[in-house]
């Protein structure tokens, strides 16, 4: 009877060992799978921090920079011309300077945003998301340049009108021999 009980206990112990091995193997498999899943996610997320050469060489990136150069050149040129013309009073010149300064600051913000989008390690974005962000910056910079050109043209027309008006007043003063 003791031998039989001992045999049964050995069988129970053997069954328990098999059960433990099965549970341990299953646990290790699940752990390894979850670690692999986390590794996959980590690789994916780290990949989103990288910027592909396609994004870096996207033609609109160069266009955005060219827009910035045009904005700076055109606003400085126009501002200088308007100041030298003496056709605008101090308050108007302050207004013009504020418009140009605001436009310049906003365009610099766009360049900062562009640098963030095309610099690796800054944002977790897919290439498609990066390209869409660049497209948005491009459209905004194009709008700023269009606004600047319209603003300069309108201000230029006002300057020409004032110059004609001053010329007309001067001509009439000479004609009627009127002095100030």
N, C-alpha and C. Protein backbone atom coordinates (compact mmCIF):
# COMPACT_ATOMS: atom_id res chain seq x y z
N UNK A 1 0.81 -1.18 0.00
CA UNK A 1 0.00 0.00 0.00
C UNK A 1 0.87 1.25 0.00
N UNK A 2 1.95 1.24 0.78
CA UNK A 2 2.86 2.37 0.80
C UNK A 2 3.57 2.51 -0.55
N UNK A 3 3.89 1.39 -1.14
CA UNK A 3 4.55 1.42 -2.44
C UNK A 3 3.58 2.00 -3.48
N UNK A 4 2.32 1.61 -3.37
CA UNK A 4 1.32 2.10 -4.30
C UNK A 4 1.13 3.61 -4.12
N UNK A 5 1.06 4.08 -2.87
CA UNK A 5 0.92 5.51 -2.60
C UNK A 5 2.15 6.26 -3.09
N UNK A 6 3.30 5.69 -2.90
CA UNK A 6 4.54 6.32 -3.36
C UNK A 6 4.54 6.42 -4.88
N UNK A 7 4.04 5.41 -5.53
CA UNK A 7 3.97 5.42 -6.98
C UNK A 7 2.99 6.49 -7.45
N UNK A 8 1.85 6.59 -6.77
CA UNK A 8 0.87 7.62 -7.13
C UNK A 8 1.44 9.02 -6.90
N UNK A 9 2.14 9.20 -5.80
CA UNK A 9 2.75 10.51 -5.51
C UNK A 9 3.78 10.87 -6.59
N UNK A 10 4.57 9.88 -7.02
CA UNK A 10 5.54 10.13 -8.08
C UNK A 10 4.82 10.54 -9.37
N UNK A 11 3.69 9.89 -9.66
CA UNK A 11 2.92 10.22 -10.86
C UNK A 11 2.35 11.64 -10.75
N UNK A 12 1.83 11.97 -9.57
CA UNK A 12 1.29 13.30 -9.35
C UNK A 12 2.40 14.34 -9.51
N UNK A 13 3.56 14.06 -8.94
CA UNK A 13 4.71 14.96 -9.04
C UNK A 13 5.14 15.12 -10.50
N UNK A 14 5.16 14.06 -11.24
CA UNK A 14 5.52 14.11 -12.65
C UNK A 14 4.50 14.94 -13.43
N UNK A 15 3.19 14.74 -13.15
CA UNK A 15 2.13 15.50 -13.81
C UNK A 15 2.25 16.99 -13.47
N UNK A 16 2.55 17.27 -12.19
CA UNK A 16 2.71 18.67 -11.77
C UNK A 16 3.90 19.31 -12.49
N UNK A 17 4.97 18.57 -12.67
CA UNK A 17 6.16 19.09 -13.37
C UNK A 17 5.82 19.39 -14.82
N UNK A 18 5.04 18.49 -15.46
CA UNK A 18 4.62 18.72 -16.84
C UNK A 18 3.74 19.96 -16.92
N UNK A 19 2.81 20.10 -15.99
CA UNK A 19 1.93 21.27 -15.96
C UNK A 19 2.74 22.55 -15.76
N UNK A 20 3.70 22.48 -14.85
CA UNK A 20 4.56 23.65 -14.62
C UNK A 20 5.33 24.01 -15.89
N UNK A 21 5.89 23.00 -16.56
CA UNK A 21 6.64 23.25 -17.80
C UNK A 21 5.74 23.88 -18.87
N UNK A 22 4.49 23.41 -18.97
CA UNK A 22 3.55 23.94 -19.96
C UNK A 22 3.23 25.41 -19.63
N UNK A 23 2.90 25.67 -18.36
CA UNK A 23 2.57 27.04 -17.94
C UNK A 23 3.78 27.95 -18.13
N UNK A 24 4.94 27.47 -17.71
CA UNK A 24 6.16 28.27 -17.83
C UNK A 24 6.47 28.54 -19.30
N UNK A 25 6.34 27.55 -20.14
CA UNK A 25 6.59 27.73 -21.57
C UNK A 25 5.60 28.71 -22.19
N UNK A 26 4.32 28.59 -21.80
CA UNK A 26 3.30 29.51 -22.31
C UNK A 26 3.57 30.94 -21.86
N UNK A 27 3.94 31.07 -20.59
CA UNK A 27 4.24 32.41 -20.06
C UNK A 27 5.43 33.01 -20.80
N UNK A 28 6.48 32.22 -20.99
CA UNK A 28 7.67 32.72 -21.69
C UNK A 28 7.34 33.08 -23.14
N UNK A 29 6.48 32.29 -23.77
CA UNK A 29 6.08 32.58 -25.14
C UNK A 29 5.31 33.90 -25.20
N UNK A 30 4.36 34.08 -24.29
CA UNK A 30 3.58 35.32 -24.24
C UNK A 30 4.49 36.50 -23.94
N UNK A 31 5.41 36.34 -23.00
CA UNK A 31 6.35 37.41 -22.66
C UNK A 31 7.20 37.78 -23.88
N UNK A 32 7.71 36.76 -24.56
CA UNK A 32 8.54 37.02 -25.73
C UNK A 32 7.74 37.70 -26.85
N UNK A 33 6.49 37.26 -27.03
CA UNK A 33 5.65 37.89 -28.04
C UNK A 33 5.37 39.35 -27.69
N UNK A 34 5.07 39.60 -26.43
CA UNK A 34 4.78 40.99 -26.04
C UNK A 34 6.04 41.84 -26.16
N UNK A 35 7.19 41.29 -25.81
CA UNK A 35 8.45 42.03 -25.97
C UNK A 35 8.69 42.31 -27.45
N UNK A 36 8.41 41.32 -28.28
CA UNK A 36 8.55 41.52 -29.72
C UNK A 36 7.60 42.57 -30.23
N UNK A 37 6.39 42.58 -29.69
CA UNK A 37 5.40 43.58 -30.07
C UNK A 37 5.88 44.96 -29.65
N UNK A 38 6.39 45.07 -28.42
CA UNK A 38 6.91 46.35 -27.96
C UNK A 38 8.10 46.77 -28.80
N UNK A 39 8.94 45.82 -29.16
CA UNK A 39 10.09 46.14 -30.01
C UNK A 39 9.62 46.62 -31.37
N UNK A 40 8.58 45.98 -31.89
CA UNK A 40 8.02 46.41 -33.17
C UNK A 40 7.48 47.83 -33.07
N UNK A 41 6.73 48.10 -32.00
CA UNK A 41 6.20 49.46 -31.80
C UNK A 41 7.34 50.46 -31.65
N UNK A 42 8.37 50.06 -30.91
CA UNK A 42 9.50 50.96 -30.71
C UNK A 42 10.19 51.27 -32.04
N UNK A 43 10.37 50.25 -32.86
CA UNK A 43 10.99 50.44 -34.18
C UNK A 43 10.10 51.35 -35.03
N UNK A 44 8.79 51.11 -34.98
CA UNK A 44 7.86 51.93 -35.75
C UNK A 44 7.90 53.38 -35.29
N UNK A 45 7.81 53.60 -33.97
CA UNK A 45 7.80 54.97 -33.43
C UNK A 45 9.13 55.67 -33.68
N UNK A 46 10.22 54.93 -33.53
CA UNK A 46 11.52 55.54 -33.83
C UNK A 46 11.63 55.88 -35.31
N UNK A 47 11.02 55.06 -36.15
CA UNK A 47 11.01 55.35 -37.58
C UNK A 47 10.27 56.63 -37.90
N UNK A 48 9.26 56.94 -37.10
CA UNK A 48 8.51 58.18 -37.32
C UNK A 48 9.33 59.41 -36.95
N UNK A 49 10.36 59.23 -36.14
CA UNK A 49 11.23 60.35 -35.80
C UNK A 49 12.22 60.67 -36.93
N UNK A 50 12.42 59.69 -37.82
CA UNK A 50 13.36 59.89 -38.92
C UNK A 50 12.67 60.62 -40.07
N UNK A 51 13.48 61.35 -40.83
CA UNK A 51 12.95 62.08 -41.99
C UNK A 51 13.58 61.46 -43.23
N UNK A 52 12.72 61.03 -44.13
CA UNK A 52 13.23 60.37 -45.34
C UNK A 52 13.84 61.40 -46.28
N UNK A 53 14.76 60.97 -47.13
CA UNK A 53 15.35 61.88 -48.12
C UNK A 53 14.29 62.47 -49.06
N UNK A 54 13.23 61.72 -49.31
CA UNK A 54 12.15 62.23 -50.16
C UNK A 54 11.55 63.49 -49.55
N UNK A 55 11.33 63.47 -48.24
CA UNK A 55 10.76 64.63 -47.57
C UNK A 55 11.78 65.77 -47.57
N UNK A 56 13.03 65.47 -47.26
CA UNK A 56 14.05 66.50 -47.19
C UNK A 56 14.29 67.17 -48.54
N UNK A 57 14.12 66.42 -49.62
CA UNK A 57 14.36 66.97 -50.96
C UNK A 57 13.08 67.43 -51.65
N UNK A 58 11.99 67.47 -50.92
CA UNK A 58 10.70 67.91 -51.48
C UNK A 58 10.86 69.32 -52.02
N UNK A 59 10.45 69.54 -53.26
CA UNK A 59 10.69 70.81 -53.94
C UNK A 59 10.08 72.00 -53.21
N UNK A 60 8.99 71.78 -52.50
CA UNK A 60 8.34 72.89 -51.81
C UNK A 60 9.18 73.42 -50.65
N UNK A 61 10.10 72.61 -50.14
CA UNK A 61 11.00 73.08 -49.08
C UNK A 61 11.85 74.22 -49.62
N UNK A 62 12.44 74.02 -50.79
CA UNK A 62 13.25 75.07 -51.42
C UNK A 62 12.39 76.28 -51.78
N UNK A 63 11.17 76.01 -52.23
CA UNK A 63 10.26 77.12 -52.58
C UNK A 63 9.91 77.97 -51.36
N UNK A 64 9.72 77.33 -50.23
CA UNK A 64 9.40 78.06 -49.00
C UNK A 64 10.55 78.98 -48.63
N UNK A 65 11.76 78.48 -48.76
CA UNK A 65 12.93 79.30 -48.45
C UNK A 65 13.04 80.46 -49.45
N UNK A 66 12.75 80.18 -50.70
CA UNK A 66 12.78 81.23 -51.72
C UNK A 66 11.70 82.29 -51.43
N UNK A 67 10.53 81.85 -50.96
CA UNK A 67 9.49 82.80 -50.57
C UNK A 67 9.99 83.72 -49.46
N UNK A 68 10.68 83.14 -48.49
CA UNK A 68 11.20 83.94 -47.37
C UNK A 68 12.19 84.98 -47.88
N UNK A 69 13.07 84.57 -48.76
CA UNK A 69 14.05 85.51 -49.32
C UNK A 69 13.32 86.64 -50.06
N UNK A 70 12.32 86.28 -50.85
CA UNK A 70 11.55 87.29 -51.59
C UNK A 70 10.83 88.24 -50.64
N UNK A 71 10.24 87.69 -49.60
CA UNK A 71 9.53 88.54 -48.63
C UNK A 71 10.48 89.56 -48.03
N UNK A 72 11.64 89.11 -47.59
CA UNK A 72 12.60 90.03 -46.96
C UNK A 72 13.08 91.08 -47.96
N UNK A 73 13.47 90.66 -49.15
CA UNK A 73 13.96 91.61 -50.15
C UNK A 73 12.90 92.63 -50.52
N UNK A 74 11.69 92.15 -50.78
CA UNK A 74 10.63 93.03 -51.26
C UNK A 74 10.15 93.99 -50.17
N UNK A 75 10.05 93.51 -48.94
CA UNK A 75 9.58 94.44 -47.91
C UNK A 75 10.65 95.47 -47.56
N UNK A 76 11.92 95.06 -47.56
CA UNK A 76 12.99 96.04 -47.29
C UNK A 76 13.08 97.08 -48.40
N UNK A 77 12.99 96.63 -49.62
CA UNK A 77 13.05 97.55 -50.76
C UNK A 77 11.89 98.54 -50.73
N UNK A 78 10.69 98.02 -50.55
CA UNK A 78 9.51 98.89 -50.54
C UNK A 78 9.55 99.85 -49.35
N UNK A 79 9.94 99.35 -48.20
CA UNK A 79 10.01 100.19 -47.01
C UNK A 79 10.99 101.34 -47.22
N UNK A 80 12.14 101.04 -47.80
CA UNK A 80 13.13 102.07 -48.08
C UNK A 80 12.62 103.12 -49.05
N UNK A 81 11.95 102.67 -50.08
CA UNK A 81 11.39 103.59 -51.08
C UNK A 81 10.34 104.49 -50.44
N UNK A 82 9.46 103.90 -49.64
CA UNK A 82 8.40 104.68 -49.01
C UNK A 82 8.97 105.70 -48.03
N UNK A 83 10.03 105.32 -47.31
CA UNK A 83 10.65 106.26 -46.36
C UNK A 83 11.32 107.41 -47.09
N UNK A 84 12.02 107.10 -48.17
CA UNK A 84 12.75 108.13 -48.91
C UNK A 84 11.81 109.06 -49.67
N UNK A 85 10.62 108.60 -49.97
CA UNK A 85 9.70 109.41 -50.77
C UNK A 85 9.17 110.61 -50.00
N UNK A 86 9.19 110.55 -48.69
CA UNK A 86 8.63 111.61 -47.83
C UNK A 86 7.16 111.90 -48.17
N UNK A 87 6.47 110.90 -48.68
CA UNK A 87 5.06 111.06 -49.02
C UNK A 87 4.14 110.54 -47.91
N UNK A 88 4.73 109.93 -46.89
CA UNK A 88 3.95 109.37 -45.80
C UNK A 88 4.37 110.04 -44.50
N UNK A 89 3.38 110.32 -43.64
CA UNK A 89 3.70 110.95 -42.36
C UNK A 89 4.24 109.90 -41.38
N UNK A 90 4.67 110.35 -40.23
CA UNK A 90 5.29 109.45 -39.25
C UNK A 90 4.33 108.33 -38.82
N UNK A 91 3.08 108.67 -38.58
CA UNK A 91 2.10 107.66 -38.18
C UNK A 91 1.91 106.59 -39.24
N UNK A 92 1.88 107.01 -40.49
CA UNK A 92 1.74 106.06 -41.59
C UNK A 92 2.98 105.17 -41.72
N UNK A 93 4.14 105.77 -41.51
CA UNK A 93 5.38 104.97 -41.58
C UNK A 93 5.43 103.95 -40.44
N UNK A 94 4.96 104.35 -39.27
CA UNK A 94 4.90 103.41 -38.14
C UNK A 94 3.98 102.24 -38.50
N UNK A 95 2.84 102.57 -39.11
CA UNK A 95 1.90 101.53 -39.54
C UNK A 95 2.55 100.59 -40.56
N UNK A 96 3.21 101.16 -41.56
CA UNK A 96 3.88 100.33 -42.57
C UNK A 96 4.92 99.42 -41.92
N UNK A 97 5.69 99.98 -41.01
CA UNK A 97 6.72 99.19 -40.33
C UNK A 97 6.10 98.06 -39.51
N UNK A 98 4.97 98.33 -38.87
CA UNK A 98 4.29 97.28 -38.09
C UNK A 98 3.81 96.15 -39.00
N UNK A 99 3.25 96.53 -40.14
CA UNK A 99 2.78 95.51 -41.09
C UNK A 99 3.95 94.65 -41.54
N UNK A 100 5.05 95.30 -41.93
CA UNK A 100 6.22 94.54 -42.39
C UNK A 100 6.81 93.69 -41.27
N UNK A 101 6.90 94.24 -40.08
CA UNK A 101 7.45 93.50 -38.94
C UNK A 101 6.59 92.28 -38.62
N UNK A 102 5.28 92.45 -38.61
CA UNK A 102 4.38 91.34 -38.32
C UNK A 102 4.49 90.25 -39.40
N UNK A 103 4.54 90.67 -40.63
CA UNK A 103 4.68 89.73 -41.74
C UNK A 103 6.00 88.97 -41.63
N UNK A 104 7.06 89.69 -41.31
CA UNK A 104 8.38 89.07 -41.18
C UNK A 104 8.39 88.05 -40.04
N UNK A 105 7.82 88.42 -38.88
CA UNK A 105 7.80 87.49 -37.74
C UNK A 105 7.01 86.23 -38.05
N UNK A 106 5.87 86.40 -38.72
CA UNK A 106 5.06 85.24 -39.07
C UNK A 106 5.75 84.35 -40.10
N UNK A 107 6.48 84.95 -41.01
CA UNK A 107 7.20 84.14 -42.00
C UNK A 107 8.37 83.40 -41.33
N UNK A 108 8.99 84.02 -40.34
CA UNK A 108 10.05 83.32 -39.59
C UNK A 108 9.47 82.15 -38.80
N UNK A 109 8.27 82.32 -38.28
CA UNK A 109 7.60 81.22 -37.57
C UNK A 109 7.38 80.06 -38.53
N UNK A 110 6.99 80.37 -39.75
CA UNK A 110 6.83 79.31 -40.76
C UNK A 110 8.15 78.59 -41.02
N UNK A 111 9.25 79.33 -41.07
CA UNK A 111 10.55 78.69 -41.27
C UNK A 111 10.92 77.80 -40.09
N UNK A 112 10.60 78.26 -38.88
CA UNK A 112 10.85 77.42 -37.70
C UNK A 112 10.02 76.13 -37.78
N UNK A 113 8.76 76.27 -38.17
CA UNK A 113 7.91 75.09 -38.31
C UNK A 113 8.46 74.15 -39.37
N UNK A 114 8.94 74.70 -40.47
CA UNK A 114 9.53 73.88 -41.53
C UNK A 114 10.75 73.14 -41.01
N UNK A 115 11.61 73.84 -40.30
CA UNK A 115 12.81 73.20 -39.75
C UNK A 115 12.44 72.06 -38.81
N UNK A 116 11.40 72.26 -38.02
CA UNK A 116 10.96 71.21 -37.10
C UNK A 116 10.45 69.99 -37.87
N UNK A 117 9.72 70.23 -38.93
CA UNK A 117 9.14 69.13 -39.72
C UNK A 117 10.23 68.33 -40.44
N UNK A 118 11.26 69.00 -40.94
CA UNK A 118 12.26 68.28 -41.75
C UNK A 118 13.50 67.88 -40.95
N UNK A 119 13.50 68.12 -39.64
CA UNK A 119 14.64 67.73 -38.81
C UNK A 119 14.30 66.43 -38.09
N UNK A 120 15.18 65.45 -38.24
CA UNK A 120 14.97 64.14 -37.60
C UNK A 120 15.00 64.29 -36.08
N UNK A 121 14.15 63.51 -35.42
CA UNK A 121 14.13 63.49 -33.97
C UNK A 121 13.26 64.56 -33.34
N UNK A 122 12.64 65.41 -34.13
CA UNK A 122 11.83 66.50 -33.59
C UNK A 122 10.37 66.10 -33.42
N UNK A 123 9.81 65.49 -34.44
CA UNK A 123 8.39 65.12 -34.44
C UNK A 123 8.23 63.67 -34.88
N UNK A 124 7.20 63.03 -34.34
CA UNK A 124 6.88 61.68 -34.79
C UNK A 124 5.77 61.81 -35.83
N UNK A 125 6.19 61.75 -37.08
CA UNK A 125 5.25 61.90 -38.19
C UNK A 125 5.63 60.94 -39.30
N UNK A 126 4.62 60.48 -40.02
CA UNK A 126 4.89 59.69 -41.21
C UNK A 126 5.33 60.64 -42.32
N UNK A 127 5.86 60.08 -43.39
CA UNK A 127 6.27 60.92 -44.53
C UNK A 127 5.07 61.67 -45.08
N UNK A 128 3.93 61.00 -45.14
CA UNK A 128 2.72 61.66 -45.66
C UNK A 128 2.32 62.84 -44.78
N UNK A 129 2.39 62.67 -43.46
CA UNK A 129 2.06 63.77 -42.55
C UNK A 129 3.06 64.91 -42.70
N UNK A 130 4.33 64.56 -42.87
CA UNK A 130 5.35 65.60 -43.06
C UNK A 130 5.10 66.38 -44.35
N UNK A 131 4.78 65.66 -45.42
CA UNK A 131 4.53 66.33 -46.70
C UNK A 131 3.30 67.23 -46.61
N UNK A 132 2.27 66.79 -45.90
CA UNK A 132 1.08 67.63 -45.73
C UNK A 132 1.41 68.88 -44.91
N UNK A 133 2.24 68.71 -43.89
CA UNK A 133 2.65 69.87 -43.08
C UNK A 133 3.45 70.86 -43.93
N UNK A 134 4.34 70.34 -44.76
CA UNK A 134 5.13 71.19 -45.65
C UNK A 134 4.22 71.90 -46.64
N UNK A 135 3.23 71.18 -47.17
CA UNK A 135 2.27 71.81 -48.09
C UNK A 135 1.53 72.96 -47.41
N UNK A 136 1.15 72.77 -46.16
CA UNK A 136 0.47 73.84 -45.41
C UNK A 136 1.36 75.05 -45.22
N UNK A 137 2.61 74.81 -44.87
CA UNK A 137 3.57 75.91 -44.69
C UNK A 137 3.80 76.62 -46.03
N UNK A 138 3.91 75.85 -47.09
CA UNK A 138 4.09 76.40 -48.44
C UNK A 138 2.93 77.34 -48.79
N UNK A 139 1.70 76.85 -48.58
CA UNK A 139 0.52 77.66 -48.90
C UNK A 139 0.50 78.95 -48.07
N UNK A 140 0.85 78.84 -46.79
CA UNK A 140 0.85 80.01 -45.91
C UNK A 140 1.91 81.02 -46.36
N UNK A 141 3.09 80.54 -46.72
CA UNK A 141 4.16 81.45 -47.17
C UNK A 141 3.78 82.09 -48.51
N UNK A 142 3.15 81.33 -49.37
CA UNK A 142 2.70 81.88 -50.65
C UNK A 142 1.66 82.97 -50.41
N UNK A 143 0.75 82.74 -49.47
CA UNK A 143 -0.24 83.76 -49.11
C UNK A 143 0.43 85.02 -48.57
N UNK A 144 1.46 84.84 -47.75
CA UNK A 144 2.17 85.99 -47.17
C UNK A 144 2.85 86.81 -48.27
N UNK A 145 3.48 86.11 -49.21
CA UNK A 145 4.14 86.81 -50.31
C UNK A 145 3.12 87.52 -51.20
N UNK A 146 2.00 86.89 -51.47
CA UNK A 146 0.94 87.51 -52.26
C UNK A 146 0.41 88.75 -51.54
N UNK A 147 0.18 88.63 -50.22
CA UNK A 147 -0.28 89.78 -49.44
C UNK A 147 0.73 90.92 -49.51
N UNK A 148 2.02 90.59 -49.32
CA UNK A 148 3.06 91.62 -49.34
C UNK A 148 3.06 92.35 -50.68
N UNK A 149 2.99 91.60 -51.76
CA UNK A 149 3.00 92.23 -53.08
C UNK A 149 1.77 93.11 -53.29
N UNK A 150 0.63 92.65 -52.85
CA UNK A 150 -0.59 93.46 -52.96
C UNK A 150 -0.47 94.71 -52.08
N UNK A 151 0.02 94.54 -50.87
CA UNK A 151 0.18 95.67 -49.94
C UNK A 151 1.16 96.70 -50.51
N UNK A 152 2.29 96.22 -51.04
CA UNK A 152 3.28 97.13 -51.63
C UNK A 152 2.72 97.84 -52.87
N UNK A 153 1.95 97.12 -53.67
CA UNK A 153 1.36 97.72 -54.87
C UNK A 153 0.35 98.79 -54.48
N UNK A 154 -0.50 98.49 -53.52
CA UNK A 154 -1.51 99.45 -53.07
C UNK A 154 -0.84 100.68 -52.45
N UNK A 155 0.17 100.45 -51.63
CA UNK A 155 0.90 101.56 -51.00
C UNK A 155 1.64 102.36 -52.06
N UNK A 156 2.19 101.68 -53.05
CA UNK A 156 2.87 102.36 -54.16
C UNK A 156 1.92 103.24 -54.95
N UNK A 157 0.72 102.73 -55.20
CA UNK A 157 -0.28 103.52 -55.92
C UNK A 157 -0.62 104.77 -55.11
N UNK A 158 -0.77 104.61 -53.80
CA UNK A 158 -1.04 105.76 -52.93
C UNK A 158 0.12 106.76 -53.00
N UNK A 159 1.35 106.26 -53.00
CA UNK A 159 2.51 107.15 -53.10
C UNK A 159 2.51 107.91 -54.42
N UNK A 160 2.21 107.24 -55.51
CA UNK A 160 2.15 107.89 -56.83
C UNK A 160 1.06 108.96 -56.85
N UNK A 161 -0.09 108.64 -56.27
CA UNK A 161 -1.19 109.61 -56.22
C UNK A 161 -0.78 110.84 -55.40
N UNK A 162 -0.12 110.60 -54.29
CA UNK A 162 0.33 111.72 -53.46
C UNK A 162 1.40 112.54 -54.17
N UNK A 163 2.30 111.87 -54.88
CA UNK A 163 3.34 112.59 -55.61
C UNK A 163 2.70 113.46 -56.70
N UNK A 164 1.72 112.91 -57.41
CA UNK A 164 1.01 113.69 -58.44
C UNK A 164 0.29 114.87 -57.80
N UNK A 165 -0.31 114.62 -56.66
CA UNK A 165 -1.04 115.68 -55.96
C UNK A 165 -0.07 116.78 -55.54
N UNK A 166 1.07 116.42 -54.99
CA UNK A 166 2.07 117.41 -54.59
C UNK A 166 2.59 118.17 -55.81
N UNK A 167 2.80 117.47 -56.89
CA UNK A 167 3.27 118.10 -58.12
C UNK A 167 2.23 119.09 -58.64
N UNK A 168 0.99 118.69 -58.57
CA UNK A 168 -0.11 119.55 -59.02
C UNK A 168 -0.20 120.80 -58.15
N UNK A 169 -0.09 120.61 -56.84
CA UNK A 169 -0.14 121.75 -55.92
C UNK A 169 1.03 122.69 -56.20
N UNK A 170 2.20 122.14 -56.38
CA UNK A 170 3.40 122.94 -56.65
C UNK A 170 3.25 123.70 -57.97
N UNK A 171 2.73 123.03 -58.99
CA UNK A 171 2.52 123.66 -60.29
C UNK A 171 1.51 124.81 -60.18
N UNK A 172 0.45 124.57 -59.44
CA UNK A 172 -0.57 125.61 -59.26
C UNK A 172 -0.01 126.79 -58.46
N UNK A 173 0.85 126.49 -57.48
CA UNK A 173 1.46 127.58 -56.70
C UNK A 173 2.35 128.44 -57.57
N UNK A 174 3.09 127.81 -58.48
CA UNK A 174 3.94 128.55 -59.38
C UNK A 174 3.10 129.34 -60.39
N UNK A 175 2.04 128.71 -60.86
CA UNK A 175 1.17 129.34 -61.84
C UNK A 175 0.52 130.59 -61.26
N UNK A 176 0.06 130.52 -60.06
CA UNK A 176 -0.62 131.66 -59.42
C UNK A 176 0.30 132.45 -58.52
N UNK A 177 1.60 132.10 -58.56
CA UNK A 177 2.63 132.81 -57.80
C UNK A 177 2.26 132.89 -56.30
N UNK A 178 1.89 131.74 -55.77
CA UNK A 178 1.53 131.66 -54.35
C UNK A 178 2.71 131.04 -53.61
N UNK A 179 3.09 131.65 -52.51
CA UNK A 179 4.18 131.10 -51.68
C UNK A 179 3.60 130.73 -50.32
N UNK A 180 4.21 129.77 -49.72
CA UNK A 180 3.73 129.31 -48.40
C UNK A 180 4.24 130.19 -47.33
